PDB file of all heavy atoms in Angstrom:
ATOM      1  N   THR A   1       7.004 -12.401  -3.070  1.00  0.00           N
ATOM      2  CA  THR A   1       6.808 -11.155  -2.325  1.00  0.00           C
ATOM      3  C   THR A   1       5.936 -11.451  -1.116  1.00  0.00           C
ATOM      4  O   THR A   1       4.802 -11.920  -1.261  1.00  0.00           O
ATOM      5  CB  THR A   1       6.136 -10.087  -3.192  1.00  0.00           C
ATOM      6  OG1 THR A   1       6.938  -9.837  -4.348  1.00  0.00           O
ATOM      7  CG2 THR A   1       5.973  -8.787  -2.401  1.00  0.00           C
ATOM      8  N   ILE A   2       6.482 -11.216   0.054  1.00  0.00           N
ATOM      9  CA  ILE A   2       5.724 -11.412   1.292  1.00  0.00           C
ATOM     10  C   ILE A   2       5.138 -10.064   1.684  1.00  0.00           C
ATOM     11  O   ILE A   2       5.865  -9.140   2.044  1.00  0.00           O
ATOM     12  CB  ILE A   2       6.614 -11.979   2.412  1.00  0.00           C
ATOM     13  CG1 ILE A   2       7.194 -13.323   1.972  1.00  0.00           C
ATOM     14  CG2 ILE A   2       5.813 -12.140   3.705  1.00  0.00           C
ATOM     15  CD1 ILE A   2       8.160 -13.935   2.970  1.00  0.00           C
ATOM     16  N   VAL A   3       3.817  -9.943   1.574  1.00  0.00           N
ATOM     17  CA  VAL A   3       3.107  -8.700   1.850  1.00  0.00           C
ATOM     18  C   VAL A   3       2.660  -8.692   3.310  1.00  0.00           C
ATOM     19  O   VAL A   3       1.980  -9.624   3.760  1.00  0.00           O
ATOM     20  CB  VAL A   3       1.899  -8.539   0.917  1.00  0.00           C
ATOM     21  CG1 VAL A   3       1.063  -7.331   1.323  1.00  0.00           C
ATOM     22  CG2 VAL A   3       2.365  -8.403  -0.530  1.00  0.00           C
ATOM     23  N   ILE A   4       3.037  -7.644   4.034  1.00  0.00           N
ATOM     24  CA  ILE A   4       2.690  -7.520   5.446  1.00  0.00           C
ATOM     25  C   ILE A   4       1.953  -6.208   5.675  1.00  0.00           C
ATOM     26  O   ILE A   4       2.585  -5.154   5.799  1.00  0.00           O
ATOM     27  CB  ILE A   4       3.937  -7.581   6.356  1.00  0.00           C
ATOM     28  CG1 ILE A   4       4.813  -8.792   6.014  1.00  0.00           C
ATOM     29  CG2 ILE A   4       3.529  -7.613   7.830  1.00  0.00           C
ATOM     30  CD1 ILE A   4       6.095  -8.457   5.324  1.00  0.00           C
ATOM     31  N   PRO A   5       0.614  -6.227   5.697  1.00  0.00           N
ATOM     32  CA  PRO A   5      -0.119  -5.017   6.094  1.00  0.00           C
ATOM     33  C   PRO A   5       0.153  -4.753   7.576  1.00  0.00           C
ATOM     34  O   PRO A   5       0.030  -5.666   8.407  1.00  0.00           O
ATOM     35  CB  PRO A   5      -1.591  -5.389   5.856  1.00  0.00           C
ATOM     36  CG  PRO A   5      -1.564  -6.642   5.043  1.00  0.00           C
ATOM     37  CD  PRO A   5      -0.293  -7.325   5.378  1.00  0.00           C
ATOM     38  N   ILE A   6       0.506  -3.525   7.906  1.00  0.00           N
ATOM     39  CA  ILE A   6       0.961  -3.279   9.276  1.00  0.00           C
ATOM     40  C   ILE A   6       0.441  -1.939   9.776  1.00  0.00           C
ATOM     41  O   ILE A   6       0.383  -0.958   9.025  1.00  0.00           O
ATOM     42  CB  ILE A   6       2.509  -3.344   9.338  1.00  0.00           C
ATOM     43  CG1 ILE A   6       2.985  -3.595  10.748  1.00  0.00           C
ATOM     44  CG2 ILE A   6       3.155  -2.146   8.685  1.00  0.00           C
ATOM     45  CD1 ILE A   6       4.394  -4.147  10.807  1.00  0.00           C
ATOM     46  N   TYR A   7       0.053  -1.927  11.048  1.00  0.00           N
ATOM     47  CA  TYR A   7      -0.497  -0.717  11.659  1.00  0.00           C
ATOM     48  C   TYR A   7      -0.103  -0.690  13.134  1.00  0.00           C
ATOM     49  O   TYR A   7      -0.502  -1.553  13.917  1.00  0.00           O
ATOM     50  CB  TYR A   7      -2.022  -0.689  11.516  1.00  0.00           C
ATOM     51  CG  TYR A   7      -2.690   0.482  12.218  1.00  0.00           C
ATOM     52  CD1 TYR A   7      -2.474   1.788  11.783  1.00  0.00           C
ATOM     53  CD2 TYR A   7      -3.528   0.270  13.304  1.00  0.00           C
ATOM     54  CE1 TYR A   7      -3.086   2.860  12.429  1.00  0.00           C
ATOM     55  CE2 TYR A   7      -4.142   1.335  13.947  1.00  0.00           C
ATOM     56  CZ  TYR A   7      -3.922   2.628  13.506  1.00  0.00           C
ATOM     57  OH  TYR A   7      -4.521   3.680  14.147  1.00  0.00           O
ATOM     58  N   ASN A   8       0.755   0.266  13.492  1.00  0.00           N
ATOM     59  CA  ASN A   8       1.194   0.446  14.886  1.00  0.00           C
ATOM     60  C   ASN A   8       1.766  -0.845  15.478  1.00  0.00           C
ATOM     61  O   ASN A   8       1.306  -1.345  16.502  1.00  0.00           O
ATOM     62  CB  ASN A   8       0.036   0.940  15.754  1.00  0.00           C
ATOM     63  CG  ASN A   8      -0.365   2.374  15.439  1.00  0.00           C
ATOM     64  OD1 ASN A   8       0.349   3.086  14.729  1.00  0.00           O
ATOM     65  ND2 ASN A   8      -1.497   2.807  15.951  1.00  0.00           N
ATOM     66  N   GLU A   9       2.782  -1.392  14.815  1.00  0.00           N
ATOM     67  CA  GLU A   9       3.392  -2.639  15.275  1.00  0.00           C
ATOM     68  C   GLU A   9       4.891  -2.469  15.508  1.00  0.00           C
ATOM     69  O   GLU A   9       5.675  -3.382  15.237  1.00  0.00           O
ATOM     70  CB  GLU A   9       3.152  -3.760  14.257  1.00  0.00           C
ATOM     71  CG  GLU A   9       1.707  -4.130  14.034  1.00  0.00           C
ATOM     72  CD  GLU A   9       1.091  -4.885  15.207  1.00  0.00           C
ATOM     73  OE1 GLU A   9       1.787  -5.074  16.218  1.00  0.00           O
ATOM     74  OE2 GLU A   9      -0.092  -5.267  15.104  1.00  0.00           O
ATOM     75  N   GLU A  10       5.322  -1.322  16.017  1.00  0.00           N
ATOM     76  CA  GLU A  10       6.745  -1.082  16.203  1.00  0.00           C
ATOM     77  C   GLU A  10       7.380  -2.082  17.171  1.00  0.00           C
ATOM     78  O   GLU A  10       8.557  -2.433  17.032  1.00  0.00           O
ATOM     79  CB  GLU A  10       6.986   0.342  16.710  1.00  0.00           C
ATOM     80  CG  GLU A  10       6.343   0.658  18.047  1.00  0.00           C
ATOM     81  CD  GLU A  10       6.711   2.052  18.548  1.00  0.00           C
ATOM     82  OE1 GLU A  10       7.794   2.524  18.165  1.00  0.00           O
ATOM     83  OE2 GLU A  10       5.927   2.642  19.307  1.00  0.00           O
ATOM     84  N   GLU A  11       6.616  -2.577  18.149  1.00  0.00           N
ATOM     85  CA  GLU A  11       7.165  -3.515  19.125  1.00  0.00           C
ATOM     86  C   GLU A  11       7.395  -4.898  18.524  1.00  0.00           C
ATOM     87  O   GLU A  11       8.274  -5.628  18.971  1.00  0.00           O
ATOM     88  CB  GLU A  11       6.220  -3.625  20.323  1.00  0.00           C
ATOM     89  CG  GLU A  11       6.006  -2.314  21.077  1.00  0.00           C
ATOM     90  CD  GLU A  11       5.026  -2.486  22.222  1.00  0.00           C
ATOM     91  OE1 GLU A  11       5.151  -3.480  22.967  1.00  0.00           O
ATOM     92  OE2 GLU A  11       4.133  -1.642  22.379  1.00  0.00           O
ATOM     93  N   VAL A  12       6.603  -5.265  17.524  1.00  0.00           N
ATOM     94  CA  VAL A  12       6.686  -6.611  16.952  1.00  0.00           C
ATOM     95  C   VAL A  12       7.696  -6.694  15.812  1.00  0.00           C
ATOM     96  O   VAL A  12       8.239  -7.764  15.529  1.00  0.00           O
ATOM     97  CB  VAL A  12       5.293  -7.054  16.445  1.00  0.00           C
ATOM     98  CG1 VAL A  12       5.315  -8.493  15.969  1.00  0.00           C
ATOM     99  CG2 VAL A  12       4.246  -6.879  17.534  1.00  0.00           C
ATOM    100  N   LEU A  13       7.982  -5.572  15.167  1.00  0.00           N
ATOM    101  CA  LEU A  13       8.783  -5.570  13.938  1.00  0.00           C
ATOM    102  C   LEU A  13      10.105  -6.339  14.031  1.00  0.00           C
ATOM    103  O   LEU A  13      10.404  -7.153  13.149  1.00  0.00           O
ATOM    104  CB  LEU A  13       9.037  -4.130  13.488  1.00  0.00           C
ATOM    105  CG  LEU A  13       8.059  -3.554  12.472  1.00  0.00           C
ATOM    106  CD1 LEU A  13       8.359  -2.095  12.205  1.00  0.00           C
ATOM    107  CD2 LEU A  13       8.097  -4.342  11.173  1.00  0.00           C
ATOM    108  N   PRO A  14      10.933  -6.108  15.056  1.00  0.00           N
ATOM    109  CA  PRO A  14      12.216  -6.833  15.097  1.00  0.00           C
ATOM    110  C   PRO A  14      12.046  -8.346  15.107  1.00  0.00           C
ATOM    111  O   PRO A  14      12.754  -9.062  14.376  1.00  0.00           O
ATOM    112  CB  PRO A  14      12.852  -6.320  16.392  1.00  0.00           C
ATOM    113  CG  PRO A  14      12.224  -4.984  16.625  1.00  0.00           C
ATOM    114  CD  PRO A  14      10.814  -5.126  16.149  1.00  0.00           C
ATOM    115  N   GLN A  15      11.098  -8.846  15.899  1.00  0.00           N
ATOM    116  CA  GLN A  15      10.869 -10.291  15.937  1.00  0.00           C
ATOM    117  C   GLN A  15      10.323 -10.793  14.613  1.00  0.00           C
ATOM    118  O   GLN A  15      10.729 -11.868  14.129  1.00  0.00           O
ATOM    119  CB  GLN A  15       9.868 -10.627  17.046  1.00  0.00           C
ATOM    120  CG  GLN A  15      10.284 -10.185  18.445  1.00  0.00           C
ATOM    121  CD  GLN A  15       9.203 -10.505  19.461  1.00  0.00           C
ATOM    122  OE1 GLN A  15       8.800 -11.659  19.597  1.00  0.00           O
ATOM    123  NE2 GLN A  15       8.707  -9.487  20.161  1.00  0.00           N
ATOM    124  N   LEU A  16       9.415 -10.023  14.020  1.00  0.00           N
ATOM    125  CA  LEU A  16       8.815 -10.424  12.753  1.00  0.00           C
ATOM    126  C   LEU A  16       9.861 -10.544  11.659  1.00  0.00           C
ATOM    127  O   LEU A  16       9.926 -11.552  10.934  1.00  0.00           O
ATOM    128  CB  LEU A  16       7.735  -9.416  12.351  1.00  0.00           C
ATOM    129  CG  LEU A  16       7.094  -9.600  10.977  1.00  0.00           C
ATOM    130  CD1 LEU A  16       6.356 -10.920  10.903  1.00  0.00           C
ATOM    131  CD2 LEU A  16       6.157  -8.439  10.660  1.00  0.00           C
ATOM    132  N   VAL A  17      10.706  -9.539  11.523  1.00  0.00           N
ATOM    133  CA  VAL A  17      11.732  -9.551  10.476  1.00  0.00           C
ATOM    134  C   VAL A  17      12.730 -10.685  10.721  1.00  0.00           C
ATOM    135  O   VAL A  17      13.163 -11.355   9.770  1.00  0.00           O
ATOM    136  CB  VAL A  17      12.447  -8.191  10.412  1.00  0.00           C
ATOM    137  CG1 VAL A  17      13.622  -8.242   9.459  1.00  0.00           C
ATOM    138  CG2 VAL A  17      11.462  -7.102   9.971  1.00  0.00           C
ATOM    139  N   ARG A  18      13.076 -10.920  11.969  1.00  0.00           N
ATOM    140  CA  ARG A  18      14.023 -11.992  12.276  1.00  0.00           C
ATOM    141  C   ARG A  18      13.462 -13.355  11.876  1.00  0.00           C
ATOM    142  O   ARG A  18      14.170 -14.174  11.250  1.00  0.00           O
ATOM    143  CB  ARG A  18      14.359 -11.979  13.764  1.00  0.00           C
ATOM    144  CG  ARG A  18      15.402 -13.035  14.160  1.00  0.00           C
ATOM    145  CD  ARG A  18      15.870 -12.867  15.584  1.00  0.00           C
ATOM    146  NE  ARG A  18      14.774 -13.051  16.537  1.00  0.00           N
ATOM    147  CZ  ARG A  18      14.233 -12.068  17.243  1.00  0.00           C
ATOM    148  NH1 ARG A  18      14.661 -10.821  17.079  1.00  0.00           N
ATOM    149  NH2 ARG A  18      13.262 -12.301  18.101  1.00  0.00           N
ATOM    150  N   ARG A  19      12.203 -13.605  12.184  1.00  0.00           N
ATOM    151  CA  ARG A  19      11.615 -14.899  11.847  1.00  0.00           C
ATOM    152  C   ARG A  19      11.408 -15.043  10.339  1.00  0.00           C
ATOM    153  O   ARG A  19      11.580 -16.134   9.775  1.00  0.00           O
ATOM    154  CB  ARG A  19      10.299 -15.091  12.599  1.00  0.00           C
ATOM    155  CG  ARG A  19      10.519 -15.354  14.088  1.00  0.00           C
ATOM    156  CD  ARG A  19       9.220 -15.567  14.833  1.00  0.00           C
ATOM    157  NE  ARG A  19       8.469 -16.719  14.358  1.00  0.00           N
ATOM    158  CZ  ARG A  19       7.320 -17.119  14.902  1.00  0.00           C
ATOM    159  NH1 ARG A  19       6.805 -16.439  15.925  1.00  0.00           N
ATOM    160  NH2 ARG A  19       6.696 -18.182  14.439  1.00  0.00           N
ATOM    161  N   LEU A  20      11.058 -13.956   9.671  1.00  0.00           N
ATOM    162  CA  LEU A  20      10.933 -14.008   8.212  1.00  0.00           C
ATOM    163  C   LEU A  20      12.284 -14.275   7.559  1.00  0.00           C
ATOM    164  O   LEU A  20      12.388 -15.028   6.581  1.00  0.00           O
ATOM    165  CB  LEU A  20      10.342 -12.703   7.690  1.00  0.00           C
ATOM    166  CG  LEU A  20       8.852 -12.463   7.939  1.00  0.00           C
ATOM    167  CD1 LEU A  20       8.465 -11.052   7.519  1.00  0.00           C
ATOM    168  CD2 LEU A  20       7.997 -13.481   7.187  1.00  0.00           C
ATOM    169  N   ASP A  21      13.333 -13.669   8.093  1.00  0.00           N
ATOM    170  CA  ASP A  21      14.677 -13.866   7.557  1.00  0.00           C
ATOM    171  C   ASP A  21      15.130 -15.306   7.757  1.00  0.00           C
ATOM    172  O   ASP A  21      15.679 -15.929   6.844  1.00  0.00           O
ATOM    173  CB  ASP A  21      15.644 -12.897   8.236  1.00  0.00           C
ATOM    174  CG  ASP A  21      17.055 -13.051   7.719  1.00  0.00           C
ATOM    175  OD1 ASP A  21      17.266 -12.952   6.489  1.00  0.00           O
ATOM    176  OD2 ASP A  21      17.977 -13.281   8.535  1.00  0.00           O
ATOM    177  N   ASP A  22      14.862 -15.848   8.959  1.00  0.00           N
ATOM    178  CA  ASP A  22      15.229 -17.242   9.224  1.00  0.00           C
ATOM    179  C   ASP A  22      14.474 -18.185   8.292  1.00  0.00           C
ATOM    180  O   ASP A  22      15.037 -19.171   7.794  1.00  0.00           O
ATOM    181  CB  ASP A  22      14.921 -17.600  10.680  1.00  0.00           C
ATOM    182  CG  ASP A  22      15.829 -16.872  11.663  1.00  0.00           C
ATOM    183  OD1 ASP A  22      16.902 -16.400  11.230  1.00  0.00           O
ATOM    184  OD2 ASP A  22      15.459 -16.780  12.850  1.00  0.00           O
ATOM    185  N   MET A  23      13.210 -17.896   8.057  1.00  0.00           N
ATOM    186  CA  MET A  23      12.422 -18.727   7.159  1.00  0.00           C
ATOM    187  C   MET A  23      12.964 -18.670   5.740  1.00  0.00           C
ATOM    188  O   MET A  23      13.103 -19.700   5.063  1.00  0.00           O
ATOM    189  CB  MET A  23      10.956 -18.260   7.195  1.00  0.00           C
ATOM    190  CG  MET A  23      10.001 -19.001   6.280  1.00  0.00           C
ATOM    191  SD  MET A  23      10.005 -18.421   4.556  1.00  0.00           S
ATOM    192  CE  MET A  23       9.591 -16.695   4.781  1.00  0.00           C
ATOM    193  N   SER A  24      13.305 -17.475   5.280  1.00  0.00           N
ATOM    194  CA  SER A  24      13.758 -17.312   3.898  1.00  0.00           C
ATOM    195  C   SER A  24      15.070 -18.042   3.631  1.00  0.00           C
ATOM    196  O   SER A  24      15.332 -18.452   2.502  1.00  0.00           O
ATOM    197  CB  SER A  24      13.915 -15.822   3.569  1.00  0.00           C
ATOM    198  OG  SER A  24      14.963 -15.238   4.336  1.00  0.00           O
ATOM    199  N   LYS A  25      15.894 -18.212   4.657  1.00  0.00           N
ATOM    200  CA  LYS A  25      17.168 -18.920   4.484  1.00  0.00           C
ATOM    201  C   LYS A  25      16.968 -20.392   4.170  1.00  0.00           C
ATOM    202  O   LYS A  25      17.871 -21.046   3.641  1.00  0.00           O
ATOM    203  CB  LYS A  25      18.019 -18.761   5.742  1.00  0.00           C
ATOM    204  CG  LYS A  25      18.503 -17.330   5.976  1.00  0.00           C
ATOM    205  CD  LYS A  25      19.271 -17.215   7.271  1.00  0.00           C
ATOM    206  CE  LYS A  25      19.730 -15.767   7.502  1.00  0.00           C
ATOM    207  NZ  LYS A  25      20.425 -15.607   8.812  1.00  0.00           N
ATOM    208  N   SER A  26      15.775 -20.913   4.516  1.00  0.00           N
ATOM    209  CA  SER A  26      15.488 -22.323   4.250  1.00  0.00           C
ATOM    210  C   SER A  26      14.936 -22.558   2.854  1.00  0.00           C
ATOM    211  O   SER A  26      14.742 -23.702   2.449  1.00  0.00           O
ATOM    212  CB  SER A  26      14.482 -22.864   5.286  1.00  0.00           C
ATOM    213  OG  SER A  26      14.989 -22.733   6.599  1.00  0.00           O
ATOM    214  N   LEU A  27      14.650 -21.471   2.130  1.00  0.00           N
ATOM    215  CA  LEU A  27      14.135 -21.594   0.771  1.00  0.00           C
ATOM    216  C   LEU A  27      15.292 -21.667  -0.215  1.00  0.00           C
ATOM    217  O   LEU A  27      16.168 -20.801  -0.225  1.00  0.00           O
ATOM    218  CB  LEU A  27      13.239 -20.402   0.426  1.00  0.00           C
ATOM    219  CG  LEU A  27      11.903 -20.314   1.163  1.00  0.00           C
ATOM    220  CD1 LEU A  27      11.205 -19.005   0.838  1.00  0.00           C
ATOM    221  CD2 LEU A  27      10.999 -21.489   0.797  1.00  0.00           C
TER     222      LEU A  27
END
């Protein structure tokens, strides 16, 4: 479980999810 505490980060979310998804594919 990757826990992401988040506060007012709407601009970063798409990039964050994309990089997390790319990382998870390598596991």
